[in-house]
Amino acid sequence: MTTPDGGFCVMTTIQAPTDAMRALAARLSEAEMGFVVVGDAKGPGAYALDGTAFLSLADQLRGPFDLARALPTGHYTRKNVGYLHAIAAGAPCLYETDDDNAPLPVWQRRGPLVSARPVLDGGWVNVYRCFTDALIWPRGLPLDAVGPSRDHAPALGEVAHYHAPIQQGLANGAPDVDAVWRLLLDTPLQFRQGESVYLPEGAWCPFNSQSTWWWPEAFPLLYLPSFCSFRMTDIWRSFVAQRCLWAMGRGLVFHGPEVFQARNEHDLMRDFDDEIPGYRSNRSIANCLEGLTLDKSPKAVGENLLHCYDALVEAGHFPQEEFDLANVWLSDLKQTLLYD
């Protein structure tokens, strides 16, 4: 793949190009960004969209990365292979999304330096409440952190400048929420635009894989775990990534809405079942990670990732196979010559 100046967008899909993806492809072209689409056992054998590099399952299996042969099929974590291909092509940044998210007019290619208001509270933070007065919370926030007595926007400091190698944009329409919210309160929602929000060390908020920006120092943290439910893979990744960001002296940034999600059809009760491990374990996973001592060296990101998964295996949140897959991920990442 030729490396575009603006980096790559990475997405996985099992359907033909949607109107949302045609709109995104046009915006990516304007931003001088490439588009990597990862296929799976189901779905199209090609992706008829200009400017798109499509990786069929056969392409992945005969490619250079061992992870492609170790990952399960029929699984969202095939997206890991797309990350590796984009990184190997020399991507200066990665943007990831899903095939039901269309860019809003404000969508733009972002950079790692950002102005934002810092969260002044520690512990669990409902960042959505910085952008709306509605009762809503992100998927992955512990349910005992969203009760009526805690339904308020976090306190924010004055605008400052931050280097943030992971940034999350919100989604209008059908934002990313858990099945409890969608079963009880589901309604289309428009977040307001406003100052971006920075979460420093000690402030937890789950982030997803639907409109998320990554820069090279955080590339090892892209790894999506396979030995958990589909509804938890990006959420539990987000907890590991935040803990490793803290060791780097960095934090996470949330932006106002930059995409509109016309959500693909879901079985909400199935989503609920798939989220039960998170309802039970999100808080304990964060507590486990927060108690770790990680290496603060800029070159230790990969080792810190493994340390986190080793601890989560020891605590019973993942089987040993997850740690083994993370090792394969890092081994493949070293093949890209970007990491020692």
Protein backbone atom coordinates (compact mmCIF):
# COMPACT_ATOMS: atom_id res chain seq x y z
CA MET A 1 0.00 0.00 0.00
CA THR A 2 1.19 3.53 -0.76
CA THR A 3 1.33 5.63 2.38
CA PRO A 4 -0.88 8.74 2.11
CA ASP A 5 0.33 11.89 3.84
CA GLY A 6 -2.60 11.97 6.24
CA GLY A 7 -2.50 8.35 7.42
CA PHE A 8 -5.10 5.60 7.15
CA CYS A 9 -8.64 4.85 8.21
CA VAL A 10 -9.11 1.21 9.27
CA MET A 11 -12.47 -0.54 9.35
CA THR A 12 -13.82 -4.09 9.31
CA THR A 13 -17.07 -5.07 7.60
CA ILE A 14 -19.15 -7.96 6.32
CA GLN A 15 -21.32 -5.89 3.99
CA ALA A 16 -20.92 -3.99 0.73
CA PRO A 17 -20.15 -0.25 0.82
CA THR A 18 -22.86 1.76 2.57
CA ASP A 19 -23.83 5.38 1.92
CA ALA A 20 -21.98 6.23 5.14
CA MET A 21 -18.80 4.64 3.80
CA ARG A 22 -19.09 6.38 0.45
CA ALA A 23 -19.34 9.69 2.29
CA LEU A 24 -16.39 8.77 4.49
CA ALA A 25 -14.26 7.71 1.52
CA ALA A 26 -14.81 11.11 -0.09
CA ARG A 27 -13.78 12.92 3.10
CA LEU A 28 -10.73 10.69 3.54
CA SER A 29 -9.63 11.53 0.01
CA GLU A 30 -9.96 15.25 0.74
CA ALA A 31 -7.87 14.73 3.90
CA GLU A 32 -5.22 12.76 1.94
CA MET A 33 -5.92 9.65 3.99
CA GLY A 34 -6.03 6.05 2.78
CA PHE A 35 -8.75 3.53 3.60
CA VAL A 36 -8.05 -0.06 4.73
CA VAL A 37 -11.11 -2.33 4.90
CA VAL A 38 -10.76 -5.73 6.56
CA GLY A 39 -13.00 -8.58 5.43
CA ASP A 40 -13.93 -11.81 7.18
CA ALA A 41 -15.33 -15.28 6.43
CA LYS A 42 -18.74 -13.73 5.72
CA GLY A 43 -19.24 -10.73 3.51
CA PRO A 44 -18.01 -9.47 0.14
CA GLY A 45 -14.94 -10.79 -1.63
CA ALA A 46 -14.17 -7.25 -2.81
CA TYR A 47 -15.03 -3.72 -1.72
CA ALA A 48 -16.06 -1.55 -4.66
CA LEU A 49 -15.10 1.85 -3.28
CA ASP A 50 -12.48 4.13 -4.84
CA GLY A 51 -9.35 4.60 -2.78
CA THR A 52 -9.96 1.49 -0.67
CA ALA A 53 -7.44 -1.27 0.03
CA PHE A 54 -9.55 -4.35 0.78
CA LEU A 55 -8.02 -7.22 2.76
CA SER A 56 -10.08 -10.36 2.16
CA LEU A 57 -9.73 -13.20 4.63
CA ALA A 58 -7.60 -15.03 2.06
CA ASP A 59 -5.36 -11.95 1.71
CA GLN A 60 -4.94 -11.83 5.47
CA LEU A 61 -4.10 -15.51 5.83
CA ARG A 62 -1.39 -15.43 3.16
CA GLY A 63 -0.02 -12.09 4.36
CA PRO A 64 3.10 -11.47 6.46
CA PHE A 65 1.51 -11.38 9.91
CA ASP A 66 1.23 -14.39 12.19
CA LEU A 67 -1.62 -12.72 14.04
CA ALA A 68 -3.80 -13.03 10.92
CA ARG A 69 -3.56 -16.80 11.21
CA ALA A 70 -3.95 -16.86 15.00
CA LEU A 71 -7.06 -14.65 15.32
CA PRO A 72 -10.56 -16.17 15.25
CA THR A 73 -12.66 -15.70 12.14
CA GLY A 74 -16.16 -14.28 12.26
CA HIS A 75 -14.88 -11.82 14.84
CA TYR A 76 -14.50 -8.04 15.09
CA THR A 77 -10.87 -8.46 16.13
CA ARG A 78 -9.89 -9.21 12.52
CA LYS A 79 -9.52 -5.42 12.60
CA ASN A 80 -6.13 -5.98 14.27
CA VAL A 81 -4.81 -7.20 10.91
CA GLY A 82 -5.86 -3.93 9.28
CA TYR A 83 -3.96 -1.98 11.92
CA LEU A 84 -0.82 -3.97 11.22
CA HIS A 85 -1.04 -3.45 7.46
CA ALA A 86 -1.54 0.30 7.88
CA ILE A 87 1.31 0.58 10.39
CA ALA A 88 3.61 -1.46 8.14
CA ALA A 89 2.81 0.99 5.32
CA GLY A 90 4.20 3.78 7.48
CA ALA A 91 0.97 5.38 8.68
CA PRO A 92 1.61 8.69 10.50
CA CYS A 93 -1.78 8.27 12.18
CA LEU A 94 -4.73 5.89 12.22
CA TYR A 95 -8.43 6.68 12.32
CA GLU A 96 -10.86 3.85 12.99
CA THR A 97 -14.58 3.64 12.58
CA ASP A 98 -17.48 1.28 11.82
CA ASP A 99 -19.47 0.98 8.62
CA ASP A 100 -22.59 2.68 10.00
CA ASN A 101 -20.85 5.96 10.90
CA ALA A 102 -20.99 8.83 8.40
CA PRO A 103 -18.79 11.92 8.82
CA LEU A 104 -20.48 15.13 9.93
CA PRO A 105 -19.54 18.43 8.25
CA VAL A 106 -17.20 19.18 11.17
CA TRP A 107 -15.23 15.96 10.61
CA GLN A 108 -11.59 16.77 9.95
CA ARG A 109 -8.19 15.11 10.06
CA ARG A 110 -6.86 15.64 13.55
CA GLY A 111 -3.39 16.01 15.02
CA PRO A 112 -1.93 14.81 18.33
CA LEU A 113 -1.67 18.33 19.78
CA VAL A 114 -5.02 19.51 21.04
CA SER A 115 -6.64 22.21 23.15
CA ALA A 116 -9.01 20.82 25.76
CA ARG A 117 -10.50 21.36 29.18
CA PRO A 118 -9.15 18.92 31.78
CA VAL A 119 -11.42 16.83 33.98
CA LEU A 120 -10.82 17.78 37.62
CA ASP A 121 -12.55 14.71 39.10
CA GLY A 122 -10.88 11.37 39.62
CA GLY A 123 -12.48 7.96 39.35
CA TRP A 124 -15.24 7.20 36.85
CA VAL A 125 -16.23 10.11 34.62
CA ASN A 126 -19.26 10.31 32.33
CA VAL A 127 -17.77 12.39 29.53
CA TYR A 128 -21.02 12.32 27.55
CA ARG A 129 -22.49 14.71 30.13
CA CYS A 130 -19.94 17.34 29.04
CA PHE A 131 -21.74 17.46 25.69
CA THR A 132 -25.42 16.98 26.64
CA ASP A 133 -27.84 17.51 29.52
CA ALA A 134 -29.62 14.23 28.72
CA LEU A 135 -29.43 11.13 30.89
CA ILE A 136 -26.97 9.06 28.87
CA TRP A 137 -23.67 7.30 29.47
CA PRO A 138 -21.06 5.53 27.34
CA ARG A 139 -20.98 1.78 26.91
CA GLY A 140 -18.61 0.38 29.51
CA LEU A 141 -19.27 2.86 32.29
CA PRO A 142 -20.11 0.82 35.41
CA LEU A 143 -23.84 0.96 36.08
CA ASP A 144 -23.24 1.96 39.70
CA ALA A 145 -21.46 5.06 38.36
CA VAL A 146 -24.55 6.37 36.53
CA GLY A 147 -27.25 6.44 39.23
CA PRO A 148 -29.35 9.59 39.85
CA SER A 149 -27.01 10.93 42.54
CA ARG A 150 -24.11 10.74 40.07
CA ASP A 151 -25.89 12.05 36.97
CA HIS A 152 -23.94 15.25 36.45
CA ALA A 153 -21.24 16.65 34.24
CA PRO A 154 -17.72 16.39 35.67
CA ALA A 155 -15.97 19.54 36.82
CA LEU A 156 -13.64 20.91 34.16
CA GLY A 157 -10.62 23.20 34.34
CA GLU A 158 -9.54 25.95 31.97
CA VAL A 159 -8.51 25.20 28.40
CA ALA A 160 -4.92 24.01 28.08
CA HIS A 161 -2.77 22.35 25.42
CA TYR A 162 -2.10 18.61 25.50
CA HIS A 163 -0.25 15.99 23.52
CA ALA A 164 -2.86 13.24 23.22
CA PRO A 165 -1.95 10.15 21.14
CA ILE A 166 -5.49 8.70 21.50
CA GLN A 167 -8.58 10.81 20.83
CA GLN A 168 -12.25 9.80 20.71
CA GLY A 169 -14.96 11.61 18.76
CA LEU A 170 -18.62 11.27 19.75
CA ALA A 171 -21.43 10.07 17.47
CA ASN A 172 -24.79 11.76 16.94
CA GLY A 173 -27.95 9.87 16.07
CA ALA A 174 -27.42 6.51 17.78
CA PRO A 175 -24.42 7.15 20.04
CA ASP A 176 -22.41 4.34 21.57
CA VAL A 177 -24.27 3.28 24.71
CA ASP A 178 -24.92 0.03 26.53
CA ALA A 179 -27.95 -2.21 26.06
CA VAL A 180 -29.53 -1.05 29.33
CA TRP A 181 -29.74 2.53 28.04
CA ARG A 182 -31.00 1.41 24.64
CA LEU A 183 -33.63 -0.91 26.09
CA LEU A 184 -34.99 1.69 28.53
CA LEU A 185 -34.26 5.15 27.14
CA ASP A 186 -33.51 4.76 23.45
CA THR A 187 -34.04 7.95 21.49
CA PRO A 188 -32.01 9.76 18.81
CA LEU A 189 -29.57 12.17 20.39
CA GLN A 190 -27.59 15.15 19.19
CA PHE A 191 -24.57 16.09 21.28
CA ARG A 192 -23.63 19.74 21.34
CA GLN A 193 -20.29 20.89 20.05
CA GLY A 194 -17.95 22.41 22.58
CA GLU A 195 -14.45 22.38 23.97
CA SER A 196 -12.74 19.03 23.86
CA VAL A 197 -12.24 17.25 27.19
CA TYR A 198 -8.96 15.81 28.53
CA LEU A 199 -8.90 12.93 31.01
CA PRO A 200 -5.70 12.94 33.09
CA GLU A 201 -4.30 10.09 35.13
CA GLY A 202 -6.84 8.73 37.59
CA ALA A 203 -9.93 9.67 35.55
CA TRP A 204 -11.56 6.68 33.84
CA CYS A 205 -14.01 6.76 30.95
CA PRO A 206 -14.46 3.95 28.41
CA PHE A 207 -13.87 4.78 24.78
CA ASN A 208 -14.88 2.79 21.73
CA SER A 209 -13.65 2.00 18.21
CA GLN A 210 -16.25 3.96 16.25
CA SER A 211 -14.53 7.30 15.65
CA THR A 212 -11.13 7.13 17.24
CA TRP A 213 -7.74 8.64 16.36
CA TRP A 214 -4.35 7.08 17.16
CA TRP A 215 -0.76 8.26 16.73
CA PRO A 216 2.43 6.13 16.57
CA GLU A 217 3.49 6.27 20.22
CA ALA A 218 0.16 4.63 21.11
CA PHE A 219 0.00 2.15 18.20
CA PRO A 220 0.83 -0.88 20.40
CA LEU A 221 -2.32 -0.08 22.41
CA LEU A 222 -4.57 -0.62 19.36
CA TYR A 223 -4.69 -4.34 20.13
CA LEU A 224 -8.28 -5.61 20.40
CA PRO A 225 -8.63 -8.70 22.65
CA SER A 226 -10.35 -11.78 21.21
CA PHE A 227 -11.20 -13.85 24.28
CA CYS A 228 -14.10 -11.72 25.45
CA SER A 229 -17.51 -10.82 24.07
CA PHE A 230 -17.86 -8.66 20.97
CA ARG A 231 -19.45 -5.90 23.07
CA MET A 232 -16.45 -5.76 25.41
CA THR A 233 -13.45 -6.01 23.11
CA ASP A 234 -13.01 -2.29 22.41
CA ILE A 235 -14.14 -1.32 25.92
CA TRP A 236 -11.65 -3.52 27.74
CA ARG A 237 -9.00 -2.42 25.26
CA SER A 238 -9.80 1.15 26.26
CA PHE A 239 -9.10 0.42 29.93
CA VAL A 240 -5.72 -1.12 29.12
CA ALA A 241 -4.90 1.77 26.79
CA GLN A 242 -5.78 4.42 29.39
CA ARG A 243 -3.64 2.76 32.03
CA CYS A 244 -0.70 2.60 29.62
CA LEU A 245 -1.24 6.24 28.61
CA TRP A 246 -0.82 7.24 32.26
CA ALA A 247 2.56 5.47 32.35
CA MET A 248 3.53 7.56 29.30
CA GLY A 249 2.55 10.76 31.09
CA ARG A 250 -0.37 11.16 28.67
CA GLY A 251 -4.15 11.21 28.90
CA LEU A 252 -7.19 10.61 26.71
CA VAL A 253 -9.11 13.31 24.80
CA PHE A 254 -12.80 13.31 23.87
CA HIS A 255 -14.13 15.58 21.12
CA GLY A 256 -17.69 16.63 20.40
CA PRO A 257 -19.65 14.80 17.69
CA GLU A 258 -17.83 14.19 14.42
CA VAL A 259 -19.92 11.34 12.94
CA PHE A 260 -23.58 10.38 12.64
CA GLN A 261 -24.40 6.77 13.36
CA ALA A 262 -27.37 5.21 11.56
CA ARG A 263 -26.98 2.05 13.60
CA ASN A 264 -26.91 -1.34 11.95
CA GLU A 265 -29.68 -3.66 13.14
CA HIS A 266 -29.00 -5.19 16.57
CA ASP A 267 -30.70 -7.73 18.81
CA LEU A 268 -30.76 -5.68 22.01
CA MET A 269 -31.26 -8.63 24.31
CA ARG A 270 -28.30 -10.35 22.72
CA ASP A 271 -26.29 -7.14 23.24
CA PHE A 272 -27.39 -7.19 26.88
CA ASP A 273 -26.21 -10.78 27.29
CA ASP A 274 -22.89 -9.93 25.65
CA GLU A 275 -22.44 -6.97 28.00
CA ILE A 276 -23.08 -8.89 31.22
CA PRO A 277 -19.33 -9.63 31.66
CA GLY A 278 -18.75 -5.88 31.51
CA TYR A 279 -21.52 -5.00 33.96
CA ARG A 280 -19.91 -7.44 36.36
CA SER A 281 -16.23 -6.72 35.69
CA ASN A 282 -15.60 -3.23 34.25
CA ARG A 283 -14.89 -1.75 37.66
CA SER A 284 -12.73 -4.65 38.84
CA ILE A 285 -10.72 -4.61 35.61
CA ALA A 286 -9.97 -0.91 36.08
CA ASN A 287 -9.06 -1.52 39.72
CA CYS A 288 -6.69 -4.31 38.69
CA LEU A 289 -5.00 -2.10 36.11
CA GLU A 290 -4.80 0.91 38.39
CA GLY A 291 -2.89 -1.15 40.96
CA LEU A 292 -0.11 -2.07 38.53
CA THR A 293 3.36 -0.54 38.47
CA LEU A 294 4.26 0.13 34.83
CA ASP A 295 7.50 1.24 33.19
CA LYS A 296 7.47 4.96 32.39
CA SER A 297 9.99 4.66 29.54
CA PRO A 298 8.59 5.78 26.15
CA LYS A 299 9.91 2.52 24.68
CA ALA A 300 8.06 0.35 27.21
CA VAL A 301 4.54 0.65 25.77
CA GLY A 302 4.52 -2.89 24.40
CA GLU A 303 5.89 -4.39 27.59
CA ASN A 304 3.33 -2.43 29.59
CA LEU A 305 0.58 -3.83 27.37
CA LEU A 306 1.77 -7.36 28.13
CA HIS A 307 2.02 -6.57 31.84
CA CYS A 308 -1.61 -5.45 31.81
CA TYR A 309 -2.83 -8.60 30.07
CA ASP A 310 -0.71 -10.79 32.31
CA ALA A 311 -2.38 -9.20 35.34
CA LEU A 312 -5.85 -9.55 33.83
CA VAL A 313 -5.19 -13.23 33.07
CA GLU A 314 -3.98 -13.76 36.64
CA ALA A 315 -7.16 -12.06 37.93
CA GLY A 316 -9.35 -14.35 35.81
CA HIS A 317 -10.67 -11.74 33.37
CA PHE A 318 -9.00 -13.38 30.36
CA PRO A 319 -7.66 -16.86 29.61
CA GLN A 320 -3.95 -17.43 28.98
CA GLU A 321 -4.68 -17.51 25.24
CA GLU A 322 -5.29 -13.75 25.30
CA PHE A 323 -1.82 -13.06 26.65
CA ASP A 324 -0.42 -15.35 23.95
CA LEU A 325 -2.28 -13.44 21.22
CA ALA A 326 -1.03 -10.11 22.59
CA ASN A 327 2.50 -11.51 22.32
CA VAL A 328 1.91 -12.40 18.67
CA TRP A 329 0.55 -8.89 18.07
CA LEU A 330 3.70 -7.31 19.48
CA SER A 331 5.92 -9.68 17.52
CA ASP A 332 4.15 -8.70 14.30
CA LEU A 333 4.34 -5.05 15.27
CA LYS A 334 8.12 -5.36 15.54
CA GLN A 335 8.16 -6.64 11.95
CA THR A 336 6.92 -3.24 10.84
CA LEU A 337 10.30 -1.83 11.99
CA LEU A 338 8.55 0.92 13.91
CA TYR A 339 9.08 -0.73 17.30
CA ASP A 340 12.14 -2.34 18.87
